[in-house]
Amino acid sequence: MATEGSEVSGLAGRYGTALFELAVEQKALDPVAADLAGIKRLLSESAELRRLVRSPAFTREDQSRAMGALLDKGGAAELTRRFVGLLAQKRRLFVLDGVIAVFARLNAAHRGEVAAEVVSAAPLSAERIESVTKTLAKVIGGRVALETRVDERLIGGLVVRVGSRMVDSSVRTKLQRLQLAMKGVG
């Protein structure tokens, strides 16, 4: 099975694994992965879409119609449209972020890549992303599937997570360490 040895649990894990296995079976990994990346980007950019997905105030029909229209407009693959429609009908759209993360991890492992997450205070340029990817590939000794996100609270620097390892070179963490050191001096 494609997901042997993977550690996924909970609702998002079960749905993400099911979608991944269906995508492998239907030979639709690339289109579904592209659709999910687009949905993730839209969720990060639109507070209204996040509210639609997470709020129980919207009916399942409202959620289904809105997500269906969004996916139709974006030209999403049939499997993606059916899957997101199922989540809406089951009132499970709130796990969509987690499903996307699980799918991405499984897809990276399937491709022989190591998934890495880089959090920065501001969006990274394409050159910076390429530089970080190459550096991580050298350290890890393999291909890297890099996922980036922005957290303005970091002030500056990066937080890099690869599996259970984390390197935090953010300004926020450095300031916190300095503050603790200063408390010890006084």
N, C-alpha and C. Protein backbone atom coordinates (compact mmCIF):
# COMPACT_ATOMS: atom_id res chain seq x y z
N MET A 1 0.84 -1.18 0.00
CA MET A 1 0.00 0.00 0.00
C MET A 1 0.88 1.24 0.00
N ALA A 2 0.40 2.30 -0.58
CA ALA A 2 1.17 3.53 -0.74
C ALA A 2 1.47 4.21 0.58
N THR A 3 0.67 3.95 1.59
CA THR A 3 0.82 4.70 2.83
C THR A 3 1.40 3.86 3.98
N GLU A 4 1.98 2.71 3.67
CA GLU A 4 2.54 1.90 4.74
C GLU A 4 3.62 2.67 5.47
N GLY A 5 3.60 2.59 6.78
CA GLY A 5 4.62 3.24 7.58
C GLY A 5 4.35 4.70 7.85
N SER A 6 3.33 5.25 7.22
CA SER A 6 3.05 6.66 7.48
C SER A 6 2.24 6.78 8.76
N GLU A 7 2.51 7.83 9.49
CA GLU A 7 1.82 8.03 10.75
C GLU A 7 0.80 9.14 10.59
N VAL A 8 -0.42 8.76 10.33
CA VAL A 8 -1.49 9.74 10.23
C VAL A 8 -2.63 9.26 11.10
N SER A 9 -3.21 10.16 11.84
CA SER A 9 -4.31 9.78 12.69
C SER A 9 -5.31 10.92 12.72
N GLY A 10 -6.42 10.64 13.33
CA GLY A 10 -7.45 11.66 13.43
C GLY A 10 -8.23 11.80 12.14
N LEU A 11 -9.18 12.69 12.19
CA LEU A 11 -10.07 12.91 11.06
C LEU A 11 -9.32 13.37 9.81
N ALA A 12 -8.47 14.37 9.96
CA ALA A 12 -7.71 14.88 8.82
C ALA A 12 -6.81 13.79 8.24
N GLY A 13 -6.22 12.99 9.11
CA GLY A 13 -5.35 11.91 8.65
C GLY A 13 -6.11 10.87 7.84
N ARG A 14 -7.27 10.50 8.32
CA ARG A 14 -8.07 9.49 7.60
C ARG A 14 -8.53 10.03 6.25
N TYR A 15 -9.03 11.26 6.23
CA TYR A 15 -9.49 11.84 4.96
C TYR A 15 -8.32 12.08 4.02
N GLY A 16 -7.21 12.60 4.53
CA GLY A 16 -6.05 12.86 3.69
C GLY A 16 -5.48 11.58 3.08
N THR A 17 -5.43 10.54 3.89
CA THR A 17 -4.94 9.25 3.40
C THR A 17 -5.88 8.68 2.35
N ALA A 18 -7.17 8.77 2.59
CA ALA A 18 -8.14 8.27 1.62
C ALA A 18 -8.03 9.01 0.29
N LEU A 19 -7.91 10.33 0.35
CA LEU A 19 -7.77 11.11 -0.88
C LEU A 19 -6.48 10.74 -1.60
N PHE A 20 -5.40 10.58 -0.87
CA PHE A 20 -4.12 10.21 -1.49
C PHE A 20 -4.24 8.86 -2.19
N GLU A 21 -4.82 7.89 -1.51
CA GLU A 21 -4.95 6.56 -2.10
C GLU A 21 -5.85 6.58 -3.33
N LEU A 22 -6.92 7.36 -3.29
CA LEU A 22 -7.78 7.50 -4.47
C LEU A 22 -7.03 8.16 -5.62
N ALA A 23 -6.23 9.18 -5.32
CA ALA A 23 -5.47 9.87 -6.35
C ALA A 23 -4.44 8.94 -6.99
N VAL A 24 -3.79 8.10 -6.18
CA VAL A 24 -2.84 7.13 -6.72
C VAL A 24 -3.58 6.14 -7.61
N GLU A 25 -4.69 5.61 -7.10
CA GLU A 25 -5.48 4.62 -7.83
C GLU A 25 -5.97 5.17 -9.17
N GLN A 26 -6.39 6.43 -9.18
CA GLN A 26 -6.93 7.04 -10.40
C GLN A 26 -5.86 7.75 -11.23
N LYS A 27 -4.60 7.61 -10.82
CA LYS A 27 -3.48 8.26 -11.50
C LYS A 27 -3.72 9.76 -11.66
N ALA A 28 -4.14 10.38 -10.55
CA ALA A 28 -4.47 11.81 -10.55
C ALA A 28 -3.69 12.57 -9.48
N LEU A 29 -2.51 12.07 -9.12
CA LEU A 29 -1.73 12.71 -8.05
C LEU A 29 -1.38 14.16 -8.37
N ASP A 30 -0.84 14.39 -9.55
CA ASP A 30 -0.40 15.75 -9.88
C ASP A 30 -1.56 16.75 -9.94
N PRO A 31 -2.67 16.42 -10.62
CA PRO A 31 -3.78 17.39 -10.64
C PRO A 31 -4.37 17.65 -9.25
N VAL A 32 -4.52 16.60 -8.45
CA VAL A 32 -5.09 16.78 -7.11
C VAL A 32 -4.12 17.58 -6.24
N ALA A 33 -2.83 17.28 -6.32
CA ALA A 33 -1.83 18.03 -5.55
C ALA A 33 -1.86 19.51 -5.94
N ALA A 34 -1.97 19.80 -7.22
CA ALA A 34 -2.04 21.19 -7.68
C ALA A 34 -3.31 21.87 -7.18
N ASP A 35 -4.44 21.15 -7.23
CA ASP A 35 -5.70 21.70 -6.73
C ASP A 35 -5.61 22.02 -5.24
N LEU A 36 -5.05 21.09 -4.47
CA LEU A 36 -4.94 21.30 -3.03
C LEU A 36 -4.00 22.46 -2.69
N ALA A 37 -2.92 22.60 -3.47
CA ALA A 37 -2.01 23.73 -3.26
C ALA A 37 -2.75 25.04 -3.52
N GLY A 38 -3.59 25.05 -4.55
CA GLY A 38 -4.39 26.24 -4.84
C GLY A 38 -5.39 26.56 -3.74
N ILE A 39 -6.04 25.52 -3.23
CA ILE A 39 -7.00 25.71 -2.13
C ILE A 39 -6.27 26.24 -0.90
N LYS A 40 -5.10 25.68 -0.62
CA LYS A 40 -4.33 26.13 0.54
C LYS A 40 -3.97 27.61 0.40
N ARG A 41 -3.54 28.00 -0.79
CA ARG A 41 -3.19 29.40 -1.03
C ARG A 41 -4.40 30.30 -0.84
N LEU A 42 -5.55 29.88 -1.38
CA LEU A 42 -6.77 30.67 -1.23
C LEU A 42 -7.19 30.78 0.24
N LEU A 43 -7.06 29.69 0.97
CA LEU A 43 -7.40 29.73 2.40
C LEU A 43 -6.50 30.69 3.16
N SER A 44 -5.24 30.73 2.78
CA SER A 44 -4.32 31.63 3.49
C SER A 44 -4.56 33.09 3.13
N GLU A 45 -5.10 33.34 1.94
CA GLU A 45 -5.30 34.71 1.47
C GLU A 45 -6.67 35.28 1.80
N SER A 46 -7.67 34.43 2.02
CA SER A 46 -9.04 34.91 2.15
C SER A 46 -9.65 34.58 3.51
N ALA A 47 -9.88 35.61 4.30
CA ALA A 47 -10.52 35.43 5.60
C ALA A 47 -11.96 34.94 5.42
N GLU A 48 -12.62 35.39 4.35
CA GLU A 48 -14.01 34.97 4.09
C GLU A 48 -14.08 33.47 3.79
N LEU A 49 -13.12 32.99 3.01
CA LEU A 49 -13.11 31.56 2.69
C LEU A 49 -12.81 30.73 3.94
N ARG A 50 -11.87 31.20 4.77
CA ARG A 50 -11.57 30.49 6.03
C ARG A 50 -12.82 30.44 6.91
N ARG A 51 -13.56 31.54 6.95
CA ARG A 51 -14.79 31.57 7.75
C ARG A 51 -15.82 30.60 7.19
N LEU A 52 -15.96 30.55 5.87
CA LEU A 52 -16.90 29.63 5.24
C LEU A 52 -16.56 28.19 5.59
N VAL A 53 -15.28 27.87 5.55
CA VAL A 53 -14.83 26.50 5.77
C VAL A 53 -14.95 26.10 7.25
N ARG A 54 -14.71 27.03 8.15
CA ARG A 54 -14.64 26.70 9.57
C ARG A 54 -15.91 26.97 10.36
N SER A 55 -16.78 27.83 9.86
CA SER A 55 -17.93 28.25 10.65
C SER A 55 -19.11 27.28 10.52
N PRO A 56 -19.66 26.84 11.64
CA PRO A 56 -20.84 25.98 11.60
C PRO A 56 -22.11 26.78 11.27
N ALA A 57 -21.99 28.09 11.16
CA ALA A 57 -23.16 28.93 10.86
C ALA A 57 -23.65 28.72 9.43
N PHE A 58 -22.76 28.27 8.54
CA PHE A 58 -23.15 28.04 7.15
C PHE A 58 -23.73 26.63 7.02
N THR A 59 -24.77 26.50 6.23
CA THR A 59 -25.37 25.19 6.01
C THR A 59 -24.47 24.36 5.10
N ARG A 60 -24.67 23.08 5.12
CA ARG A 60 -23.89 22.21 4.24
C ARG A 60 -24.14 22.55 2.77
N GLU A 61 -25.36 22.98 2.46
CA GLU A 61 -25.68 23.36 1.08
C GLU A 61 -24.93 24.63 0.68
N ASP A 62 -24.86 25.61 1.59
CA ASP A 62 -24.11 26.84 1.32
C ASP A 62 -22.63 26.52 1.09
N GLN A 63 -22.08 25.68 1.96
CA GLN A 63 -20.67 25.31 1.83
C GLN A 63 -20.43 24.54 0.54
N SER A 64 -21.32 23.61 0.22
CA SER A 64 -21.18 22.82 -1.01
C SER A 64 -21.22 23.70 -2.25
N ARG A 65 -22.21 24.61 -2.30
CA ARG A 65 -22.35 25.50 -3.46
C ARG A 65 -21.12 26.40 -3.61
N ALA A 66 -20.70 27.00 -2.50
CA ALA A 66 -19.57 27.93 -2.57
C ALA A 66 -18.28 27.22 -2.98
N MET A 67 -18.00 26.10 -2.36
CA MET A 67 -16.77 25.36 -2.69
C MET A 67 -16.85 24.80 -4.11
N GLY A 68 -18.03 24.33 -4.50
CA GLY A 68 -18.21 23.83 -5.87
C GLY A 68 -17.95 24.91 -6.91
N ALA A 69 -18.50 26.10 -6.68
CA ALA A 69 -18.30 27.21 -7.61
C ALA A 69 -16.82 27.60 -7.66
N LEU A 70 -16.17 27.63 -6.51
CA LEU A 70 -14.76 27.98 -6.44
C LEU A 70 -13.91 26.97 -7.21
N LEU A 71 -14.18 25.69 -7.01
CA LEU A 71 -13.40 24.65 -7.68
C LEU A 71 -13.70 24.59 -9.17
N ASP A 72 -14.95 24.82 -9.55
CA ASP A 72 -15.30 24.86 -10.97
C ASP A 72 -14.58 26.01 -11.67
N LYS A 73 -14.58 27.17 -11.03
CA LYS A 73 -13.92 28.34 -11.60
C LYS A 73 -12.42 28.10 -11.74
N GLY A 74 -11.84 27.40 -10.79
CA GLY A 74 -10.41 27.10 -10.83
C GLY A 74 -10.05 25.93 -11.72
N GLY A 75 -11.04 25.26 -12.28
CA GLY A 75 -10.76 24.11 -13.16
C GLY A 75 -10.20 22.92 -12.43
N ALA A 76 -10.69 22.68 -11.23
CA ALA A 76 -10.19 21.58 -10.41
C ALA A 76 -10.53 20.22 -11.03
N ALA A 77 -9.71 19.25 -10.71
CA ALA A 77 -9.92 17.88 -11.18
C ALA A 77 -11.22 17.32 -10.59
N GLU A 78 -11.81 16.39 -11.27
CA GLU A 78 -13.07 15.78 -10.83
C GLU A 78 -12.94 15.18 -9.44
N LEU A 79 -11.84 14.47 -9.19
CA LEU A 79 -11.65 13.84 -7.89
C LEU A 79 -11.60 14.90 -6.78
N THR A 80 -10.93 16.00 -7.01
CA THR A 80 -10.86 17.08 -6.02
C THR A 80 -12.25 17.65 -5.76
N ARG A 81 -13.00 17.91 -6.82
CA ARG A 81 -14.35 18.48 -6.66
C ARG A 81 -15.25 17.53 -5.88
N ARG A 82 -15.20 16.25 -6.21
CA ARG A 82 -16.04 15.28 -5.50
C ARG A 82 -15.63 15.16 -4.04
N PHE A 83 -14.33 15.16 -3.79
CA PHE A 83 -13.83 15.00 -2.43
C PHE A 83 -14.21 16.20 -1.56
N VAL A 84 -13.99 17.41 -2.05
CA VAL A 84 -14.34 18.60 -1.28
C VAL A 84 -15.85 18.68 -1.10
N GLY A 85 -16.60 18.26 -2.12
CA GLY A 85 -18.05 18.20 -1.99
C GLY A 85 -18.48 17.23 -0.90
N LEU A 86 -17.80 16.10 -0.81
CA LEU A 86 -18.09 15.13 0.25
C LEU A 86 -17.80 15.73 1.63
N LEU A 87 -16.66 16.41 1.75
CA LEU A 87 -16.35 17.06 3.03
C LEU A 87 -17.44 18.06 3.41
N ALA A 88 -17.91 18.81 2.44
CA ALA A 88 -18.97 19.80 2.72
C ALA A 88 -20.26 19.10 3.13
N GLN A 89 -20.63 18.05 2.43
CA GLN A 89 -21.86 17.33 2.76
C GLN A 89 -21.79 16.66 4.13
N LYS A 90 -20.61 16.23 4.52
CA LYS A 90 -20.43 15.58 5.82
C LYS A 90 -20.14 16.59 6.93
N ARG A 91 -20.14 17.89 6.59
CA ARG A 91 -19.85 18.96 7.56
C ARG A 91 -18.44 18.78 8.12
N ARG A 92 -17.49 18.47 7.24
CA ARG A 92 -16.11 18.23 7.65
C ARG A 92 -15.12 19.19 6.97
N LEU A 93 -15.60 20.27 6.38
CA LEU A 93 -14.70 21.21 5.72
C LEU A 93 -13.67 21.81 6.69
N PHE A 94 -13.99 21.83 7.96
CA PHE A 94 -13.07 22.40 8.94
C PHE A 94 -11.75 21.64 9.01
N VAL A 95 -11.68 20.41 8.51
CA VAL A 95 -10.43 19.65 8.53
C VAL A 95 -9.64 19.80 7.22
N LEU A 96 -10.11 20.65 6.32
CA LEU A 96 -9.49 20.77 5.01
C LEU A 96 -8.01 21.12 5.09
N ASP A 97 -7.62 22.05 5.97
CA ASP A 97 -6.20 22.39 6.13
C ASP A 97 -5.38 21.15 6.50
N GLY A 98 -5.88 20.38 7.45
CA GLY A 98 -5.18 19.18 7.88
C GLY A 98 -5.11 18.13 6.79
N VAL A 99 -6.19 17.99 6.03
CA VAL A 99 -6.23 17.03 4.91
C VAL A 99 -5.16 17.40 3.89
N ILE A 100 -5.06 18.69 3.59
CA ILE A 100 -4.08 19.16 2.61
C ILE A 100 -2.66 18.86 3.11
N ALA A 101 -2.41 19.08 4.39
CA ALA A 101 -1.08 18.81 4.96
C ALA A 101 -0.74 17.32 4.91
N VAL A 102 -1.70 16.48 5.25
CA VAL A 102 -1.48 15.03 5.21
C VAL A 102 -1.22 14.57 3.78
N PHE A 103 -2.04 15.04 2.85
CA PHE A 103 -1.87 14.68 1.44
C PHE A 103 -0.47 15.09 0.96
N ALA A 104 -0.04 16.30 1.31
CA ALA A 104 1.27 16.79 0.88
C ALA A 104 2.39 15.91 1.43
N ARG A 105 2.29 15.52 2.71
CA ARG A 105 3.32 14.65 3.30
C ARG A 105 3.36 13.29 2.61
N LEU A 106 2.19 12.71 2.38
CA LEU A 106 2.14 11.41 1.72
C LEU A 106 2.66 11.49 0.29
N ASN A 107 2.31 12.56 -0.40
CA ASN A 107 2.75 12.74 -1.78
C ASN A 107 4.27 12.93 -1.84
N ALA A 108 4.83 13.69 -0.90
CA ALA A 108 6.28 13.88 -0.85
C ALA A 108 6.99 12.54 -0.61
N ALA A 109 6.47 11.77 0.33
CA ALA A 109 7.08 10.46 0.62
C ALA A 109 6.98 9.54 -0.59
N HIS A 110 5.85 9.59 -1.28
CA HIS A 110 5.63 8.78 -2.48
C HIS A 110 6.66 9.12 -3.56
N ARG A 111 7.01 10.38 -3.64
CA ARG A 111 7.96 10.84 -4.66
C ARG A 111 9.42 10.69 -4.20
N GLY A 112 9.62 10.21 -2.98
CA GLY A 112 10.97 10.06 -2.46
C GLY A 112 11.55 11.36 -1.94
N GLU A 113 10.69 12.29 -1.59
CA GLU A 113 11.13 13.58 -1.07
C GLU A 113 10.93 13.63 0.43
N VAL A 114 11.70 14.47 1.07
CA VAL A 114 11.52 14.73 2.49
C VAL A 114 10.76 16.04 2.61
N ALA A 115 9.68 16.03 3.35
CA ALA A 115 8.88 17.24 3.51
C ALA A 115 9.53 18.14 4.55
N ALA A 116 9.62 19.42 4.21
CA ALA A 116 10.18 20.41 5.12
C ALA A 116 9.27 21.62 5.13
N GLU A 117 9.16 22.24 6.31
CA GLU A 117 8.35 23.44 6.44
C GLU A 117 9.26 24.58 6.86
N VAL A 118 9.13 25.70 6.15
CA VAL A 118 9.89 26.90 6.48
C VAL A 118 8.91 28.01 6.79
N VAL A 119 9.03 28.57 7.99
CA VAL A 119 8.18 29.67 8.42
C VAL A 119 9.06 30.91 8.45
N SER A 120 8.60 31.98 7.82
CA SER A 120 9.36 33.23 7.79
C SER A 120 8.48 34.39 8.20
N ALA A 121 9.11 35.50 8.52
CA ALA A 121 8.37 36.69 8.95
C ALA A 121 7.73 37.40 7.77
N ALA A 122 8.27 37.22 6.58
CA ALA A 122 7.73 37.82 5.35
C ALA A 122 7.82 36.78 4.24
N PRO A 123 7.02 36.93 3.20
CA PRO A 123 7.10 35.96 2.10
C PRO A 123 8.51 35.88 1.53
N LEU A 124 8.93 34.66 1.23
CA LEU A 124 10.27 34.45 0.68
C LEU A 124 10.26 34.61 -0.83
N SER A 125 11.32 35.18 -1.36
CA SER A 125 11.45 35.31 -2.82
C SER A 125 11.73 33.94 -3.41
N ALA A 126 11.54 33.80 -4.71
CA ALA A 126 11.80 32.53 -5.39
C ALA A 126 13.27 32.13 -5.23
N GLU A 127 14.17 33.12 -5.28
CA GLU A 127 15.60 32.83 -5.13
C GLU A 127 15.90 32.31 -3.73
N ARG A 128 15.28 32.91 -2.74
CA ARG A 128 15.50 32.50 -1.34
C ARG A 128 14.96 31.09 -1.11
N ILE A 129 13.78 30.79 -1.66
CA ILE A 129 13.20 29.46 -1.55
C ILE A 129 14.12 28.42 -2.19
N GLU A 130 14.65 28.75 -3.36
CA GLU A 130 15.56 27.84 -4.05
C GLU A 130 16.83 27.62 -3.22
N SER A 131 17.35 28.68 -2.63
CA SER A 131 18.55 28.58 -1.80
C SER A 131 18.31 27.70 -0.57
N VAL A 132 17.19 27.91 0.10
CA VAL A 132 16.85 27.11 1.28
C VAL A 132 16.66 25.64 0.89
N THR A 133 15.98 25.41 -0.23
CA THR A 133 15.75 24.04 -0.71
C THR A 133 17.06 23.33 -1.00
N LYS A 134 17.98 24.01 -1.69
CA LYS A 134 19.28 23.40 -2.00
C LYS A 134 20.08 23.12 -0.73
N THR A 135 20.06 24.05 0.21
CA THR A 135 20.79 23.86 1.47
C THR A 135 20.23 22.67 2.25
N LEU A 136 18.90 22.60 2.34
CA LEU A 136 18.29 21.47 3.05
C LEU A 136 18.58 20.15 2.35
N ALA A 137 18.57 20.15 1.02
CA ALA A 137 18.85 18.92 0.27
C ALA A 137 20.26 18.42 0.57
N LYS A 138 21.22 19.35 0.69
CA LYS A 138 22.59 18.96 1.03
C LYS A 138 22.67 18.38 2.44
N VAL A 139 21.99 19.03 3.38
CA VAL A 139 22.02 18.58 4.78
C VAL A 139 21.34 17.22 4.93
N ILE A 140 20.20 17.07 4.28
CA ILE A 140 19.40 15.85 4.41
C ILE A 140 19.95 14.72 3.55
N GLY A 141 20.54 15.10 2.43
CA GLY A 141 21.07 14.09 1.52
C GLY A 141 20.01 13.49 0.62
N GLY A 142 19.02 14.28 0.27
CA GLY A 142 17.96 13.82 -0.62
C GLY A 142 17.14 14.98 -1.12
N ARG A 143 16.12 14.65 -1.87
CA ARG A 143 15.24 15.69 -2.41
C ARG A 143 14.34 16.22 -1.30
N VAL A 144 14.01 17.50 -1.42
CA VAL A 144 13.21 18.17 -0.40
C VAL A 144 11.96 18.77 -1.04
N ALA A 145 10.82 18.52 -0.41
CA ALA A 145 9.56 19.17 -0.80
C ALA A 145 9.34 20.27 0.24
N LEU A 146 9.54 21.50 -0.19
CA LEU A 146 9.49 22.63 0.74
C LEU A 146 8.11 23.26 0.77
N GLU A 147 7.63 23.46 1.97
CA GLU A 147 6.36 24.15 2.18
C GLU A 147 6.68 25.41 2.98
N THR A 148 6.20 26.55 2.51
CA THR A 148 6.49 27.80 3.20
C THR A 148 5.22 28.43 3.73
N ARG A 149 5.36 29.15 4.82
CA ARG A 149 4.26 29.96 5.33
C ARG A 149 4.84 31.16 6.06
N VAL A 150 4.00 32.16 6.27
CA VAL A 150 4.44 33.40 6.87
C VAL A 150 3.83 33.54 8.26
N ASP A 151 4.67 33.94 9.23
CA ASP A 151 4.22 34.26 10.58
C ASP A 151 4.92 35.56 10.97
N GLU A 152 4.22 36.67 10.86
CA GLU A 152 4.82 37.98 11.10
C GLU A 152 5.35 38.14 12.52
N ARG A 153 4.87 37.32 13.45
CA ARG A 153 5.33 37.40 14.84
C ARG A 153 6.81 37.03 15.00
N LEU A 154 7.40 36.39 13.97
CA LEU A 154 8.80 36.00 14.06
C LEU A 154 9.74 37.20 14.00
N ILE A 155 9.28 38.32 13.49
CA ILE A 155 10.01 39.57 13.32
C ILE A 155 11.03 39.45 12.19
N GLY A 156 11.80 38.41 12.16
CA GLY A 156 12.80 38.16 11.13
C GLY A 156 13.34 36.76 11.30
N GLY A 157 14.16 36.31 10.35
CA GLY A 157 14.75 34.98 10.43
C GLY A 157 13.79 33.90 9.94
N LEU A 158 14.16 32.65 10.21
CA LEU A 158 13.40 31.49 9.75
C LEU A 158 13.24 30.46 10.85
N VAL A 159 12.19 29.67 10.74
CA VAL A 159 12.01 28.47 11.54
C VAL A 159 11.87 27.34 10.52
N VAL A 160 12.76 26.36 10.59
CA VAL A 160 12.76 25.26 9.63
C VAL A 160 12.44 23.97 10.37
N ARG A 161 11.45 23.22 9.87
CA ARG A 161 11.10 21.92 10.46
C ARG A 161 11.24 20.85 9.40
N VAL A 162 11.99 19.82 9.74
CA VAL A 162 12.12 18.64 8.88
C VAL A 162 11.87 17.44 9.77
N GLY A 163 10.72 16.81 9.57
CA GLY A 163 10.36 15.70 10.45
C GLY A 163 10.22 16.19 11.88
N SER A 164 10.93 15.55 12.79
CA SER A 164 10.85 15.95 14.20
C SER A 164 11.93 16.97 14.56
N ARG A 165 12.79 17.31 13.61
CA ARG A 165 13.86 18.28 13.87
C ARG A 165 13.40 19.69 13.53
N MET A 166 13.87 20.65 14.34
CA MET A 166 13.51 22.04 14.12
C MET A 166 14.71 22.92 14.38
N VAL A 167 14.92 23.89 13.50
CA VAL A 167 15.95 24.90 13.68
C VAL A 167 15.23 26.24 13.70
N ASP A 168 15.38 26.95 14.81
CA ASP A 168 14.70 28.23 14.99
C ASP A 168 15.74 29.35 15.05
N SER A 169 15.84 30.09 13.96
CA SER A 169 16.77 31.23 13.93
C SER A 169 15.98 32.54 13.83
N SER A 170 14.79 32.54 14.38
CA SER A 170 13.95 33.74 14.30
C SER A 170 14.42 34.80 15.29
N VAL A 171 14.17 36.03 14.93
CA VAL A 171 14.53 37.15 15.80
C VAL A 171 13.72 37.08 17.10
N ARG A 172 12.46 36.67 16.99
CA ARG A 172 11.62 36.55 18.18
C ARG A 172 12.25 35.63 19.21
N THR A 173 12.72 34.46 18.79
CA THR A 173 13.33 33.50 19.71
C THR A 173 14.63 34.05 20.29
N LYS A 174 15.41 34.72 19.44
CA LYS A 174 16.66 35.30 19.93
C LYS A 174 16.38 36.37 20.99
N LEU A 175 15.35 37.17 20.77
CA LEU A 175 14.98 38.18 21.77
C LEU A 175 14.48 37.54 23.06
N GLN A 176 13.73 36.46 22.94
CA GLN A 176 13.26 35.76 24.13
C GLN A 176 14.43 35.20 24.93
N ARG A 177 15.42 34.65 24.25
CA ARG A 177 16.61 34.11 24.93
C ARG A 177 17.38 35.24 25.62
N LEU A 178 17.51 36.36 24.92
CA LEU A 178 18.20 37.50 25.50
C LEU A 178 17.47 38.00 26.75
N GLN A 179 16.15 38.05 26.67
CA GLN A 179 15.34 38.49 27.81
C GLN A 179 15.56 37.56 29.01
N LEU A 180 15.56 36.26 28.76
CA LEU A 180 15.81 35.30 29.85
C LEU A 180 17.21 35.47 30.42
N ALA A 181 18.18 35.70 29.55
CA ALA A 181 19.55 35.88 30.02
C ALA A 181 19.67 37.15 30.88
N MET A 182 18.97 38.19 30.46
CA MET A 182 19.01 39.45 31.20
C MET A 182 18.35 39.30 32.57
N LYS A 183 17.30 38.49 32.67
CA LYS A 183 16.66 38.25 33.97
C LYS A 183 17.61 37.54 34.91
N GLY A 184 18.45 36.67 34.35
CA GLY A 184 19.39 35.94 35.17
C GLY A 184 20.52 36.81 35.69
N VAL A 185 20.85 37.89 34.97
CA VAL A 185 21.94 38.78 35.36
C VAL A 185 21.52 39.65 36.53
N GLY A 186 20.28 40.15 36.49
CA GLY A 186 19.80 41.11 37.50
C GLY A 186 19.44 40.47 38.74
